[in-house]
Amino acid sequence: DLWIIDQRTSQGNSLLLAGVIGAACGLLLGRWTRRVAASVLLCVAVAASHGLLDALTDGGLGVALLWPWCLKRIFAPLRPLPVAPIGLRLLSPRGLQVIATEVLYFLPLLLWALWPWPRAVGNHRRAGT
């Protein structure tokens, strides 16, 4: 049954799975950064964004964001992102057009993230002074 196969293959978009995987990654990352809560929140947000961005695409059967509680597929009301071809078809003219569209949409965010912002200057005193 296509519906059963489709249910099994879409669990990667689940917000529950994003929370579990994001929290695990955040806990591991937090061991090196010593900012465990911030690391967990960041990793959960990054993992959850996968399913939310998939809901913005213009194809497919929808996204099972609420799995396992609900098997209903969800689409965003606005779907501006084209579905990318899978595999080597990504290098086809259609795939390159999709890549160009995504670069256009996400370049402002990338530039903002990589911008050399000035560091905040604090009034930290040295120990013993």
N, C-alpha and C. Protein backbone atom coordinates (compact mmCIF):
# COMPACT_ATOMS: atom_id res chain seq x y z
N ASP A 1 0.85 -1.19 0.00
CA ASP A 1 0.00 0.00 0.00
C ASP A 1 0.89 1.25 0.00
N LEU A 2 0.69 2.14 -0.94
CA LEU A 2 1.50 3.35 -1.07
C LEU A 2 1.41 4.22 0.17
N TRP A 3 0.22 4.29 0.78
CA TRP A 3 0.04 5.12 1.96
C TRP A 3 0.93 4.64 3.11
N ILE A 4 1.00 3.34 3.32
CA ILE A 4 1.84 2.78 4.39
C ILE A 4 3.31 3.07 4.10
N ILE A 5 3.76 2.85 2.87
CA ILE A 5 5.16 3.14 2.53
C ILE A 5 5.46 4.61 2.75
N ASP A 6 4.53 5.47 2.33
CA ASP A 6 4.73 6.91 2.47
C ASP A 6 4.78 7.31 3.94
N GLN A 7 3.98 6.70 4.80
CA GLN A 7 4.02 7.02 6.22
C GLN A 7 5.39 6.71 6.80
N ARG A 8 5.98 5.62 6.40
CA ARG A 8 7.28 5.23 6.95
C ARG A 8 8.40 6.14 6.48
N THR A 9 8.28 6.68 5.29
CA THR A 9 9.39 7.45 4.74
C THR A 9 9.35 8.92 5.12
N SER A 10 8.31 9.39 5.76
CA SER A 10 8.21 10.82 6.05
C SER A 10 8.43 11.16 7.51
N GLN A 11 8.77 10.21 8.32
CA GLN A 11 8.92 10.49 9.74
C GLN A 11 10.10 11.40 10.02
N GLY A 12 11.01 11.55 9.07
CA GLY A 12 12.15 12.44 9.25
C GLY A 12 11.75 13.90 9.33
N ASN A 13 10.53 14.24 8.93
CA ASN A 13 10.04 15.61 9.03
C ASN A 13 9.27 15.86 10.32
N SER A 14 9.14 14.88 11.16
CA SER A 14 8.38 14.99 12.39
C SER A 14 9.05 15.95 13.38
N LEU A 15 8.24 16.79 13.99
CA LEU A 15 8.77 17.71 15.00
C LEU A 15 9.25 16.93 16.24
N LEU A 16 8.61 15.79 16.53
CA LEU A 16 9.07 14.94 17.64
C LEU A 16 10.48 14.43 17.36
N LEU A 17 10.69 13.89 16.17
CA LEU A 17 12.01 13.39 15.81
C LEU A 17 13.04 14.51 15.79
N ALA A 18 12.64 15.68 15.30
CA ALA A 18 13.54 16.84 15.30
C ALA A 18 13.93 17.22 16.72
N GLY A 19 12.98 17.13 17.64
CA GLY A 19 13.28 17.44 19.04
C GLY A 19 14.24 16.45 19.66
N VAL A 20 14.04 15.17 19.38
CA VAL A 20 14.91 14.13 19.95
C VAL A 20 16.32 14.22 19.37
N ILE A 21 16.41 14.29 18.04
CA ILE A 21 17.73 14.36 17.39
C ILE A 21 18.42 15.68 17.73
N GLY A 22 17.66 16.78 17.70
CA GLY A 22 18.24 18.07 18.04
C GLY A 22 18.74 18.13 19.47
N ALA A 23 17.97 17.57 20.40
CA ALA A 23 18.40 17.57 21.80
C ALA A 23 19.67 16.72 21.98
N ALA A 24 19.71 15.56 21.32
CA ALA A 24 20.91 14.71 21.42
C ALA A 24 22.14 15.43 20.87
N CYS A 25 21.98 16.04 19.70
CA CYS A 25 23.11 16.78 19.11
C CYS A 25 23.49 17.97 19.99
N GLY A 26 22.51 18.65 20.52
CA GLY A 26 22.78 19.79 21.40
C GLY A 26 23.50 19.39 22.67
N LEU A 27 23.13 18.25 23.23
CA LEU A 27 23.82 17.77 24.43
C LEU A 27 25.28 17.44 24.12
N LEU A 28 25.52 16.82 22.97
CA LEU A 28 26.90 16.52 22.58
C LEU A 28 27.68 17.80 22.33
N LEU A 29 27.07 18.72 21.61
CA LEU A 29 27.73 20.00 21.32
C LEU A 29 27.97 20.78 22.61
N GLY A 30 27.01 20.72 23.51
CA GLY A 30 27.12 21.44 24.78
C GLY A 30 28.29 20.99 25.63
N ARG A 31 28.76 19.78 25.43
CA ARG A 31 29.92 19.30 26.18
C ARG A 31 31.17 20.09 25.81
N TRP A 32 31.24 20.58 24.57
CA TRP A 32 32.41 21.34 24.13
C TRP A 32 32.22 22.84 24.34
N THR A 33 31.00 23.32 24.24
CA THR A 33 30.77 24.76 24.33
C THR A 33 30.50 25.22 25.75
N ARG A 34 30.14 24.31 26.63
CA ARG A 34 29.76 24.61 28.01
C ARG A 34 28.50 25.47 28.10
N ARG A 35 27.77 25.55 27.01
CA ARG A 35 26.49 26.26 26.99
C ARG A 35 25.44 25.25 26.51
N VAL A 36 25.11 24.32 27.39
CA VAL A 36 24.28 23.18 27.01
C VAL A 36 22.88 23.63 26.58
N ALA A 37 22.22 24.48 27.36
CA ALA A 37 20.85 24.88 27.03
C ALA A 37 20.80 25.59 25.68
N ALA A 38 21.73 26.51 25.45
CA ALA A 38 21.75 27.22 24.17
C ALA A 38 22.04 26.27 23.02
N SER A 39 22.93 25.31 23.23
CA SER A 39 23.27 24.33 22.18
C SER A 39 22.07 23.47 21.85
N VAL A 40 21.34 23.02 22.87
CA VAL A 40 20.16 22.18 22.65
C VAL A 40 19.10 22.97 21.88
N LEU A 41 18.82 24.19 22.30
CA LEU A 41 17.81 25.00 21.62
C LEU A 41 18.18 25.26 20.16
N LEU A 42 19.43 25.56 19.91
CA LEU A 42 19.87 25.81 18.55
C LEU A 42 19.74 24.56 17.69
N CYS A 43 20.18 23.42 18.19
CA CYS A 43 20.13 22.18 17.42
C CYS A 43 18.69 21.73 17.17
N VAL A 44 17.80 21.90 18.15
CA VAL A 44 16.39 21.56 17.94
C VAL A 44 15.78 22.47 16.89
N ALA A 45 16.10 23.76 16.93
CA ALA A 45 15.58 24.70 15.94
C ALA A 45 16.07 24.35 14.53
N VAL A 46 17.33 23.99 14.42
CA VAL A 46 17.88 23.62 13.10
C VAL A 46 17.21 22.34 12.59
N ALA A 47 17.05 21.35 13.45
CA ALA A 47 16.43 20.09 13.03
C ALA A 47 14.95 20.30 12.67
N ALA A 48 14.24 21.11 13.43
CA ALA A 48 12.82 21.36 13.16
C ALA A 48 12.64 22.16 11.87
N SER A 49 13.61 22.98 11.53
CA SER A 49 13.47 23.80 10.32
C SER A 49 13.40 22.93 9.06
N HIS A 50 13.94 21.73 9.10
CA HIS A 50 13.90 20.85 7.92
C HIS A 50 12.45 20.57 7.52
N GLY A 51 11.66 20.11 8.47
CA GLY A 51 10.25 19.82 8.16
C GLY A 51 9.46 21.06 7.82
N LEU A 52 9.74 22.16 8.52
CA LEU A 52 9.02 23.40 8.25
C LEU A 52 9.34 23.93 6.85
N LEU A 53 10.60 23.83 6.44
CA LEU A 53 10.96 24.26 5.09
C LEU A 53 10.37 23.32 4.04
N ASP A 54 10.30 22.01 4.33
CA ASP A 54 9.67 21.08 3.40
C ASP A 54 8.19 21.41 3.20
N ALA A 55 7.54 21.94 4.22
CA ALA A 55 6.13 22.32 4.09
C ALA A 55 5.96 23.52 3.16
N LEU A 56 7.04 24.25 2.90
CA LEU A 56 6.99 25.41 2.00
C LEU A 56 7.26 25.05 0.55
N THR A 57 7.47 23.77 0.25
CA THR A 57 7.77 23.37 -1.13
C THR A 57 6.47 23.16 -1.91
N ASP A 58 6.58 23.23 -3.22
CA ASP A 58 5.40 23.18 -4.08
C ASP A 58 5.06 21.79 -4.60
N GLY A 59 5.56 20.75 -3.99
CA GLY A 59 5.25 19.40 -4.48
C GLY A 59 5.20 18.39 -3.36
N GLY A 60 5.04 17.15 -3.72
CA GLY A 60 5.01 16.07 -2.74
C GLY A 60 3.62 15.85 -2.17
N LEU A 61 3.58 15.07 -1.12
CA LEU A 61 2.31 14.69 -0.50
C LEU A 61 2.05 15.44 0.80
N GLY A 62 2.88 16.41 1.12
CA GLY A 62 2.75 17.12 2.38
C GLY A 62 3.75 16.59 3.37
N VAL A 63 3.77 17.19 4.54
CA VAL A 63 4.77 16.87 5.55
C VAL A 63 4.07 16.35 6.80
N ALA A 64 4.54 15.24 7.35
CA ALA A 64 3.96 14.65 8.57
C ALA A 64 4.62 15.28 9.80
N LEU A 65 4.39 16.58 10.00
CA LEU A 65 5.03 17.29 11.10
C LEU A 65 4.60 16.76 12.46
N LEU A 66 3.36 16.29 12.57
CA LEU A 66 2.82 15.89 13.88
C LEU A 66 2.87 14.39 14.12
N TRP A 67 3.63 13.65 13.29
CA TRP A 67 3.80 12.21 13.53
C TRP A 67 4.47 12.02 14.87
N PRO A 68 4.13 11.11 15.70
CA PRO A 68 3.23 9.97 15.56
C PRO A 68 1.80 10.25 16.03
N TRP A 69 1.51 11.46 16.49
CA TRP A 69 0.18 11.77 17.01
C TRP A 69 -0.86 11.90 15.92
N CYS A 70 -0.44 12.36 14.75
CA CYS A 70 -1.37 12.59 13.65
C CYS A 70 -0.64 12.26 12.34
N LEU A 71 -1.29 11.48 11.49
CA LEU A 71 -0.68 11.09 10.22
C LEU A 71 -1.04 12.04 9.08
N LYS A 72 -1.80 13.09 9.40
CA LYS A 72 -2.21 14.04 8.37
C LYS A 72 -0.99 14.77 7.81
N ARG A 73 -1.00 14.98 6.50
CA ARG A 73 0.07 15.70 5.81
C ARG A 73 -0.24 17.18 5.81
N ILE A 74 0.77 17.98 6.04
CA ILE A 74 0.58 19.43 6.18
C ILE A 74 1.36 20.15 5.08
N PHE A 75 0.70 21.10 4.45
CA PHE A 75 1.36 22.04 3.54
C PHE A 75 1.22 23.43 4.14
N ALA A 76 2.20 24.28 3.93
CA ALA A 76 2.08 25.67 4.33
C ALA A 76 1.10 26.36 3.38
N PRO A 77 0.40 27.40 3.85
CA PRO A 77 -0.51 28.11 2.95
C PRO A 77 0.23 28.75 1.76
N LEU A 78 1.46 29.15 1.98
CA LEU A 78 2.28 29.74 0.93
C LEU A 78 3.42 28.76 0.65
N ARG A 79 3.59 28.38 -0.63
CA ARG A 79 4.61 27.39 -0.98
C ARG A 79 5.52 27.94 -2.08
N PRO A 80 6.46 28.82 -1.71
CA PRO A 80 7.29 29.46 -2.72
C PRO A 80 8.51 28.65 -3.17
N LEU A 81 8.86 27.59 -2.45
CA LEU A 81 10.07 26.84 -2.78
C LEU A 81 9.77 25.69 -3.73
N PRO A 82 10.48 25.62 -4.86
CA PRO A 82 10.29 24.48 -5.77
C PRO A 82 10.94 23.22 -5.19
N VAL A 83 10.35 22.08 -5.50
CA VAL A 83 10.90 20.81 -5.05
C VAL A 83 12.16 20.51 -5.85
N ALA A 84 13.22 20.14 -5.14
CA ALA A 84 14.49 19.84 -5.80
C ALA A 84 14.48 18.41 -6.33
N PRO A 85 15.01 18.21 -7.54
CA PRO A 85 15.16 16.84 -8.04
C PRO A 85 16.13 16.05 -7.15
N ILE A 86 15.93 14.76 -7.09
CA ILE A 86 16.74 13.91 -6.22
C ILE A 86 17.89 13.28 -7.00
N GLY A 87 19.03 13.11 -6.33
CA GLY A 87 20.17 12.43 -6.93
C GLY A 87 20.88 13.28 -7.97
N LEU A 88 21.38 12.62 -9.00
CA LEU A 88 22.12 13.33 -10.05
C LEU A 88 21.22 14.25 -10.86
N ARG A 89 19.91 14.06 -10.77
CA ARG A 89 19.00 14.96 -11.48
C ARG A 89 19.09 16.38 -10.93
N LEU A 90 19.69 16.54 -9.76
CA LEU A 90 19.90 17.88 -9.21
C LEU A 90 20.82 18.69 -10.11
N LEU A 91 21.65 18.02 -10.91
CA LEU A 91 22.58 18.70 -11.81
C LEU A 91 21.95 18.97 -13.18
N SER A 92 20.69 18.63 -13.36
CA SER A 92 19.99 18.91 -14.62
C SER A 92 19.64 20.40 -14.68
N PRO A 93 19.22 20.89 -15.84
CA PRO A 93 18.82 22.30 -15.91
C PRO A 93 17.74 22.67 -14.89
N ARG A 94 16.78 21.79 -14.69
CA ARG A 94 15.72 22.04 -13.68
C ARG A 94 16.33 22.10 -12.28
N GLY A 95 17.23 21.17 -11.97
CA GLY A 95 17.87 21.15 -10.66
C GLY A 95 18.69 22.40 -10.41
N LEU A 96 19.42 22.84 -11.42
CA LEU A 96 20.22 24.06 -11.27
C LEU A 96 19.34 25.28 -11.09
N GLN A 97 18.17 25.27 -11.72
CA GLN A 97 17.22 26.36 -11.53
C GLN A 97 16.71 26.38 -10.08
N VAL A 98 16.45 25.21 -9.52
CA VAL A 98 16.01 25.11 -8.13
C VAL A 98 17.11 25.62 -7.20
N ILE A 99 18.36 25.22 -7.45
CA ILE A 99 19.48 25.69 -6.63
C ILE A 99 19.58 27.21 -6.69
N ALA A 100 19.45 27.78 -7.89
CA ALA A 100 19.52 29.24 -8.04
C ALA A 100 18.40 29.92 -7.26
N THR A 101 17.20 29.35 -7.29
CA THR A 101 16.07 29.91 -6.55
C THR A 101 16.35 29.89 -5.05
N GLU A 102 16.87 28.76 -4.56
CA GLU A 102 17.14 28.66 -3.13
C GLU A 102 18.26 29.61 -2.70
N VAL A 103 19.27 29.76 -3.53
CA VAL A 103 20.34 30.72 -3.22
C VAL A 103 19.75 32.12 -3.13
N LEU A 104 18.88 32.46 -4.06
CA LEU A 104 18.25 33.77 -4.06
C LEU A 104 17.45 34.00 -2.78
N TYR A 105 16.69 33.00 -2.36
CA TYR A 105 15.87 33.13 -1.15
C TYR A 105 16.71 33.20 0.12
N PHE A 106 17.75 32.38 0.20
CA PHE A 106 18.48 32.23 1.46
C PHE A 106 19.77 33.03 1.55
N LEU A 107 20.20 33.67 0.47
CA LEU A 107 21.42 34.47 0.51
C LEU A 107 21.36 35.59 1.55
N PRO A 108 20.27 36.31 1.69
CA PRO A 108 20.24 37.35 2.74
C PRO A 108 20.49 36.78 4.15
N LEU A 109 19.93 35.61 4.45
CA LEU A 109 20.17 35.00 5.76
C LEU A 109 21.62 34.57 5.93
N LEU A 110 22.19 34.02 4.87
CA LEU A 110 23.59 33.60 4.92
C LEU A 110 24.51 34.80 5.12
N LEU A 111 24.26 35.87 4.39
CA LEU A 111 25.08 37.08 4.55
C LEU A 111 24.95 37.65 5.96
N TRP A 112 23.74 37.66 6.49
CA TRP A 112 23.54 38.17 7.85
C TRP A 112 24.30 37.30 8.85
N ALA A 113 24.26 35.98 8.67
CA ALA A 113 24.93 35.06 9.60
C ALA A 113 26.44 35.19 9.53
N LEU A 114 26.98 35.45 8.35
CA LEU A 114 28.44 35.51 8.18
C LEU A 114 29.00 36.93 8.29
N TRP A 115 28.13 37.91 8.46
CA TRP A 115 28.58 39.30 8.54
C TRP A 115 29.51 39.49 9.74
N PRO A 116 30.60 40.21 9.58
CA PRO A 116 31.54 40.40 10.70
C PRO A 116 31.02 41.46 11.70
N TRP A 117 30.07 41.07 12.52
CA TRP A 117 29.49 41.98 13.50
C TRP A 117 30.54 42.35 14.54
N PRO A 118 30.52 43.59 15.03
CA PRO A 118 31.48 43.95 16.10
C PRO A 118 31.13 43.19 17.37
N ARG A 119 32.16 42.81 18.07
CA ARG A 119 31.95 42.08 19.32
C ARG A 119 31.56 43.05 20.43
N ALA A 120 30.71 42.60 21.31
CA ALA A 120 30.30 43.43 22.44
C ALA A 120 31.48 43.59 23.38
N VAL A 121 31.69 44.79 23.84
CA VAL A 121 32.78 45.08 24.76
C VAL A 121 32.19 45.13 26.15
N GLY A 122 32.69 44.26 27.02
CA GLY A 122 32.18 44.22 28.38
C GLY A 122 33.14 44.89 29.35
N ASN A 123 32.64 45.16 30.53
CA ASN A 123 33.45 45.74 31.59
C ASN A 123 33.94 44.63 32.51
N HIS A 124 34.72 43.72 31.96
CA HIS A 124 35.22 42.60 32.76
C HIS A 124 36.50 43.02 33.45
N ARG A 125 36.53 42.83 34.76
CA ARG A 125 37.75 43.11 35.49
C ARG A 125 38.55 41.83 35.65
N ARG A 126 39.83 41.98 35.64
CA ARG A 126 40.67 40.81 35.88
C ARG A 126 40.60 40.42 37.34
N ALA A 127 40.76 39.14 37.58
CA ALA A 127 40.75 38.64 38.97
C ALA A 127 41.90 39.24 39.74
N GLY A 128 41.60 39.74 40.92
CA GLY A 128 42.65 40.27 41.78
C GLY A 128 42.92 41.75 41.55
N THR A 129 42.14 42.43 40.71
CA THR A 129 42.39 43.86 40.52
C THR A 129 41.28 44.69 41.10
